[in-house]
Structures are given as C-alpha cells and as structure tokens.
C-alpha cells in the first residue's frame, strides 16, 4: 500500500534573514509555508552571543549543526555539539550561548511558529537573505526588547540582583 504524501516546496518569494543579539536568523521554513504549524530557522551565532533567559508560550527545539552551544533548560545546563537536539516545553525557562571561539550554527524550530517569527521581525535588523556577515553590533535596547517580547508570549525576567 502506498501512502499519499503531499509536499510543499518553499520558495524565496519573501525571504527573511534577521540579525538579533549576535545571531543571524535565516528563515528556512516560515509559519505560512508550513500550513501555519511551525518555523525552521537556521541560526548562526557569534562567539559569546546567544539568547537571554526567557520563557515562552510556544514549544522550541534546537538541533546543533556546527560549533558548540551551552543550552540551559529549567536550570539544567548542557554543552551541545553537532547532532545534539534539545526540546524546550512551553513555559520552561531557557537560554543558549555560543561558547566556541568561532561562529556556531543550529536549527531553531518553533511550534507554532507565528509568535517567534513576528517577534524577530519586530526587534531584529533585517539583512540580505542568506547573509552570513554580522553587522556592527550596538548595545541592545533591553527595555524595548522586553516590552516587545511580552506582546508575543515571551517573558524575559530581570537579571538576578547581586
């Protein structure tokens, strides 16, 4: 018996690459391309860069392709290299950081994908599709990022007081 499998080819009608906090995010499958189910983003992260601790209402998964990431989920820190996969359930505090001396790369998958896609479009700097060159990095506007994140179900808690 043969299963009827339909496939969707994603074209570059509206390609999207964004720089945000030392990460170049190239959208390989956007929310609209997947029947409004998920997004797949290729992420290139500069050494020492990553994402701050945050929670979100959607699910997220990381598949490391190259380099090395430190990924923390619910306080459990894991050093991840090529082939390592990490799933983040909704509401779980998590972060990632490239702790390699060179750029690292991973796939980032969000279920559903609309919240993160719209968040990145709202706060990131749009680049030429497929760009791999980091723009000059300026200090981020943290209060604005926190405010915009909240509109998309992402909560960035204040840093601990020492």
C-alpha atoms as a PDB file:
ATOM      1  CA  UNK A   1       0.000   0.000   0.000  1.00  0.00           C
ATOM      2  CA  UNK A   2       1.319   3.436  -0.926  1.00  0.00           C
ATOM      3  CA  UNK A   3       0.660   6.454   1.256  1.00  0.00           C
ATOM      4  CA  UNK A   4      -0.447   9.653  -0.441  1.00  0.00           C
ATOM      5  CA  UNK A   5       2.096  12.233   0.649  1.00  0.00           C
ATOM      6  CA  UNK A   6       1.750  15.828  -0.433  1.00  0.00           C
ATOM      7  CA  UNK A   7       4.759  18.099  -0.241  1.00  0.00           C
ATOM      8  CA  UNK A   8       5.171  21.837  -0.242  1.00  0.00           C
ATOM      9  CA  UNK A   9       8.198  23.410  -1.823  1.00  0.00           C
ATOM     10  CA  UNK A  10       9.220  26.608  -0.040  1.00  0.00           C
ATOM     11  CA  UNK A  11      10.364  29.268  -2.488  1.00  0.00           C
ATOM     12  CA  UNK A  12      12.073  32.577  -1.864  1.00  0.00           C
ATOM     13  CA  UNK A  13       9.139  34.895  -2.622  1.00  0.00           C
ATOM     14  CA  UNK A  14       9.571  36.602   0.733  1.00  0.00           C
ATOM     15  CA  UNK A  15      12.958  35.502   2.069  1.00  0.00           C
ATOM     16  CA  UNK A  16      13.828  36.591   5.572  1.00  0.00           C
ATOM     17  CA  UNK A  17      17.170  36.964   7.341  1.00  0.00           C
ATOM     18  CA  UNK A  18      17.397  38.949  10.573  1.00  0.00           C
ATOM     19  CA  UNK A  19      20.199  39.910  12.956  1.00  0.00           C
ATOM     20  CA  UNK A  20      19.303  39.905  16.643  1.00  0.00           C
ATOM     21  CA  UNK A  21      21.668  39.919  19.651  1.00  0.00           C
ATOM     22  CA  UNK A  22      24.627  38.426  17.769  1.00  0.00           C
ATOM     23  CA  UNK A  23      22.505  35.827  15.967  1.00  0.00           C
ATOM     24  CA  UNK A  24      21.870  35.759  12.223  1.00  0.00           C
ATOM     25  CA  UNK A  25      18.458  34.130  11.739  1.00  0.00           C
ATOM     26  CA  UNK A  26      17.733  32.777   8.256  1.00  0.00           C
ATOM     27  CA  UNK A  27      14.162  31.530   7.989  1.00  0.00           C
ATOM     28  CA  UNK A  28      14.251  28.252   6.032  1.00  0.00           C
ATOM     29  CA  UNK A  29      10.529  27.477   6.528  1.00  0.00           C
ATOM     30  CA  UNK A  30       8.186  30.206   7.664  1.00  0.00           C
ATOM     31  CA  UNK A  31       4.914  29.843   9.525  1.00  0.00           C
ATOM     32  CA  UNK A  32       2.828  30.392   6.376  1.00  0.00           C
ATOM     33  CA  UNK A  33       4.958  27.842   4.464  1.00  0.00           C
ATOM     34  CA  UNK A  34       4.140  25.041   6.918  1.00  0.00           C
ATOM     35  CA  UNK A  35       0.370  25.297   6.934  1.00  0.00           C
ATOM     36  CA  UNK A  36       0.620  27.635   9.937  1.00  0.00           C
ATOM     37  CA  UNK A  37       2.229  24.982  12.143  1.00  0.00           C
ATOM     38  CA  UNK A  38       5.907  25.774  12.780  1.00  0.00           C
ATOM     39  CA  UNK A  39       9.021  27.648  11.649  1.00  0.00           C
ATOM     40  CA  UNK A  40      12.524  26.402  10.906  1.00  0.00           C
ATOM     41  CA  UNK A  41      15.292  28.964  11.338  1.00  0.00           C
ATOM     42  CA  UNK A  42      18.981  28.473  10.609  1.00  0.00           C
ATOM     43  CA  UNK A  43      20.832  30.377  13.334  1.00  0.00           C
ATOM     44  CA  UNK A  44      24.469  31.460  13.128  1.00  0.00           C
ATOM     45  CA  UNK A  45      25.671  32.727  16.492  1.00  0.00           C
ATOM     46  CA  UNK A  46      28.770  34.841  17.115  1.00  0.00           C
ATOM     47  CA  UNK A  47      31.189  33.711  19.848  1.00  0.00           C
ATOM     48  CA  UNK A  48      29.791  34.623  23.270  1.00  0.00           C
ATOM     49  CA  UNK A  49      26.390  35.595  21.861  1.00  0.00           C
ATOM     50  CA  UNK A  50      23.061  33.813  22.264  1.00  0.00           C
ATOM     51  CA  UNK A  51      19.654  34.398  23.802  1.00  0.00           C
ATOM     52  CA  UNK A  52      18.970  35.674  27.332  1.00  0.00           C
ATOM     53  CA  UNK A  53      16.992  33.587  29.827  1.00  0.00           C
ATOM     54  CA  UNK A  54      13.324  33.603  28.832  1.00  0.00           C
ATOM     55  CA  UNK A  55      10.086  31.647  28.840  1.00  0.00           C
ATOM     56  CA  UNK A  56       7.513  31.451  26.064  1.00  0.00           C
ATOM     57  CA  UNK A  57       4.076  30.083  25.348  1.00  0.00           C
ATOM     58  CA  UNK A  58       5.194  28.003  22.346  1.00  0.00           C
ATOM     59  CA  UNK A  59       7.484  24.985  22.073  1.00  0.00           C
ATOM     60  CA  UNK A  60      11.027  25.341  20.845  1.00  0.00           C
ATOM     61  CA  UNK A  61      13.702  22.898  19.737  1.00  0.00           C
ATOM     62  CA  UNK A  62      17.392  23.251  18.901  1.00  0.00           C
ATOM     63  CA  UNK A  63      19.452  20.988  16.611  1.00  0.00           C
ATOM     64  CA  UNK A  64      23.134  21.924  16.715  1.00  0.00           C
ATOM     65  CA  UNK A  65      24.773  21.763  13.285  1.00  0.00           C
ATOM     66  CA  UNK A  66      28.244  23.188  13.892  1.00  0.00           C
ATOM     67  CA  UNK A  67      30.312  24.512  16.771  1.00  0.00           C
ATOM     68  CA  UNK A  68      29.269  24.392  20.392  1.00  0.00           C
ATOM     69  CA  UNK A  69      26.373  25.797  22.381  1.00  0.00           C
ATOM     70  CA  UNK A  70      25.697  25.916  26.083  1.00  0.00           C
ATOM     71  CA  UNK A  71      21.935  25.363  26.393  1.00  0.00           C
ATOM     72  CA  UNK A  72      20.110  25.680  29.693  1.00  0.00           C
ATOM     73  CA  UNK A  73      16.551  24.410  30.147  1.00  0.00           C
ATOM     74  CA  UNK A  74      14.914  24.670  33.560  1.00  0.00           C
ATOM     75  CA  UNK A  75      18.329  25.250  35.166  1.00  0.00           C
ATOM     76  CA  UNK A  76      19.890  22.123  33.601  1.00  0.00           C
ATOM     77  CA  UNK A  77      22.902  23.231  31.552  1.00  0.00           C
ATOM     78  CA  UNK A  78      24.113  21.049  28.680  1.00  0.00           C
ATOM     79  CA  UNK A  79      27.133  21.543  26.452  1.00  0.00           C
ATOM     80  CA  UNK A  80      25.893  20.684  22.947  1.00  0.00           C
ATOM     81  CA  UNK A  81      27.808  19.937  19.771  1.00  0.00           C
ATOM     82  CA  UNK A  82      26.896  18.850  16.233  1.00  0.00           C
ATOM     83  CA  UNK A  83      23.935  16.454  16.207  1.00  0.00           C
ATOM     84  CA  UNK A  84      22.717  17.304  19.703  1.00  0.00           C
ATOM     85  CA  UNK A  85      18.989  18.046  19.984  1.00  0.00           C
ATOM     86  CA  UNK A  86      17.229  19.905  22.809  1.00  0.00           C
ATOM     87  CA  UNK A  87      13.455  20.323  23.216  1.00  0.00           C
ATOM     88  CA  UNK A  88      12.031  23.176  25.313  1.00  0.00           C
ATOM     89  CA  UNK A  89       8.431  22.742  26.530  1.00  0.00           C
ATOM     90  CA  UNK A  90       6.180  25.808  26.800  1.00  0.00           C
ATOM     91  CA  UNK A  91       6.769  27.882  29.944  1.00  0.00           C
ATOM     92  CA  UNK A  92      10.241  26.435  30.663  1.00  0.00           C
ATOM     93  CA  UNK A  93      12.980  28.979  31.451  1.00  0.00           C
ATOM     94  CA  UNK A  94      15.797  28.517  28.937  1.00  0.00           C
ATOM     95  CA  UNK A  95      18.723  30.214  27.205  1.00  0.00           C
ATOM     96  CA  UNK A  96      21.520  29.419  24.787  1.00  0.00           C
ATOM     97  CA  UNK A  97      25.026  30.772  24.263  1.00  0.00           C
ATOM     98  CA  UNK A  98      27.779  30.035  21.757  1.00  0.00           C
ATOM     99  CA  UNK A  99      30.763  29.210  23.913  1.00  0.00           C
ATOM    100  CA  UNK A 100      33.049  28.302  20.984  1.00  0.00           C
ATOM    101  CA  UNK A 101      35.794  30.683  19.781  1.00  0.00           C
ATOM    102  CA  UNK A 102      34.204  30.749  16.302  1.00  0.00           C
ATOM    103  CA  UNK A 103      30.651  31.074  14.963  1.00  0.00           C
ATOM    104  CA  UNK A 104      28.326  28.184  15.790  1.00  0.00           C
ATOM    105  CA  UNK A 105      25.247  27.112  13.857  1.00  0.00           C
ATOM    106  CA  UNK A 106      21.968  25.393  14.726  1.00  0.00           C
ATOM    107  CA  UNK A 107      18.430  24.894  13.535  1.00  0.00           C
ATOM    108  CA  UNK A 108      15.768  26.519  15.698  1.00  0.00           C
ATOM    109  CA  UNK A 109      12.251  25.129  15.393  1.00  0.00           C
ATOM    110  CA  UNK A 110       9.180  26.781  16.950  1.00  0.00           C
ATOM    111  CA  UNK A 111       5.734  25.147  17.300  1.00  0.00           C
ATOM    112  CA  UNK A 112       3.675  27.059  16.311  1.00  0.00           C
ATOM    113  CA  UNK A 113       5.975  29.471  14.571  1.00  0.00           C
ATOM    114  CA  UNK A 114       3.984  32.664  14.352  1.00  0.00           C
ATOM    115  CA  UNK A 115       4.971  34.187  17.704  1.00  0.00           C
ATOM    116  CA  UNK A 116       8.728  33.928  17.289  1.00  0.00           C
ATOM    117  CA  UNK A 117       8.639  34.891  13.630  1.00  0.00           C
ATOM    118  CA  UNK A 118       6.712  38.078  14.411  1.00  0.00           C
ATOM    119  CA  UNK A 119       8.898  38.822  17.460  1.00  0.00           C
ATOM    120  CA  UNK A 120      12.115  38.544  15.453  1.00  0.00           C
ATOM    121  CA  UNK A 121      10.660  40.745  12.699  1.00  0.00           C
ATOM    122  CA  UNK A 122       9.671  43.363  15.302  1.00  0.00           C
ATOM    123  CA  UNK A 123      13.002  43.583  17.145  1.00  0.00           C
ATOM    124  CA  UNK A 124      15.636  42.386  14.686  1.00  0.00           C
ATOM    125  CA  UNK A 125      17.612  44.120  11.982  1.00  0.00           C
ATOM    126  CA  UNK A 126      16.665  42.830   8.536  1.00  0.00           C
ATOM    127  CA  UNK A 127      19.628  41.643   6.446  1.00  0.00           C
ATOM    128  CA  UNK A 128      20.014  40.498   2.866  1.00  0.00           C
ATOM    129  CA  UNK A 129      18.597  36.949   2.647  1.00  0.00           C
ATOM    130  CA  UNK A 130      21.250  34.364   3.482  1.00  0.00           C
ATOM    131  CA  UNK A 131      23.737  36.924   4.789  1.00  0.00           C
ATOM    132  CA  UNK A 132      26.454  35.419   6.958  1.00  0.00           C
ATOM    133  CA  UNK A 133      28.234  38.643   7.909  1.00  0.00           C
ATOM    134  CA  UNK A 134      27.405  40.136  11.270  1.00  0.00           C
ATOM    135  CA  UNK A 135      26.598  43.844  11.195  1.00  0.00           C
ATOM    136  CA  UNK A 136      28.333  46.134  13.654  1.00  0.00           C
ATOM    137  CA  UNK A 137      26.734  45.364  16.988  1.00  0.00           C
ATOM    138  CA  UNK A 138      25.391  48.150  19.173  1.00  0.00           C
ATOM    139  CA  UNK A 139      24.146  47.904  22.738  1.00  0.00           C
ATOM    140  CA  UNK A 140      20.620  46.433  22.665  1.00  0.00           C
ATOM    141  CA  UNK A 141      17.613  48.428  23.888  1.00  0.00           C
ATOM    142  CA  UNK A 142      16.714  45.954  26.657  1.00  0.00           C
ATOM    143  CA  UNK A 143      13.523  47.690  27.899  1.00  0.00           C
ATOM    144  CA  UNK A 144      12.158  47.755  24.317  1.00  0.00           C
ATOM    145  CA  UNK A 145      13.083  44.089  23.723  1.00  0.00           C
ATOM    146  CA  UNK A 146      11.332  43.061  26.966  1.00  0.00           C
ATOM    147  CA  UNK A 147       8.213  45.078  26.059  1.00  0.00           C
ATOM    148  CA  UNK A 148       8.012  43.712  22.512  1.00  0.00           C
ATOM    149  CA  UNK A 149       8.704  40.145  23.683  1.00  0.00           C
ATOM    150  CA  UNK A 150       5.737  40.283  26.061  1.00  0.00           C
ATOM    151  CA  UNK A 151       3.415  41.023  23.124  1.00  0.00           C
ATOM    152  CA  UNK A 152       4.443  37.673  21.608  1.00  0.00           C
ATOM    153  CA  UNK A 153       4.189  35.454  24.697  1.00  0.00           C
ATOM    154  CA  UNK A 154       7.894  35.709  25.564  1.00  0.00           C
ATOM    155  CA  UNK A 155       8.908  36.724  29.090  1.00  0.00           C
ATOM    156  CA  UNK A 156      12.468  37.879  29.778  1.00  0.00           C
ATOM    157  CA  UNK A 157      12.920  38.029  33.562  1.00  0.00           C
ATOM    158  CA  UNK A 158      15.116  40.740  35.100  1.00  0.00           C
ATOM    159  CA  UNK A 159      18.705  39.707  35.814  1.00  0.00           C
ATOM    160  CA  UNK A 160      19.412  38.473  39.345  1.00  0.00           C
ATOM    161  CA  UNK A 161      20.494  41.143  41.831  1.00  0.00           C
ATOM    162  CA  UNK A 162      23.950  40.546  43.290  1.00  0.00           C
END
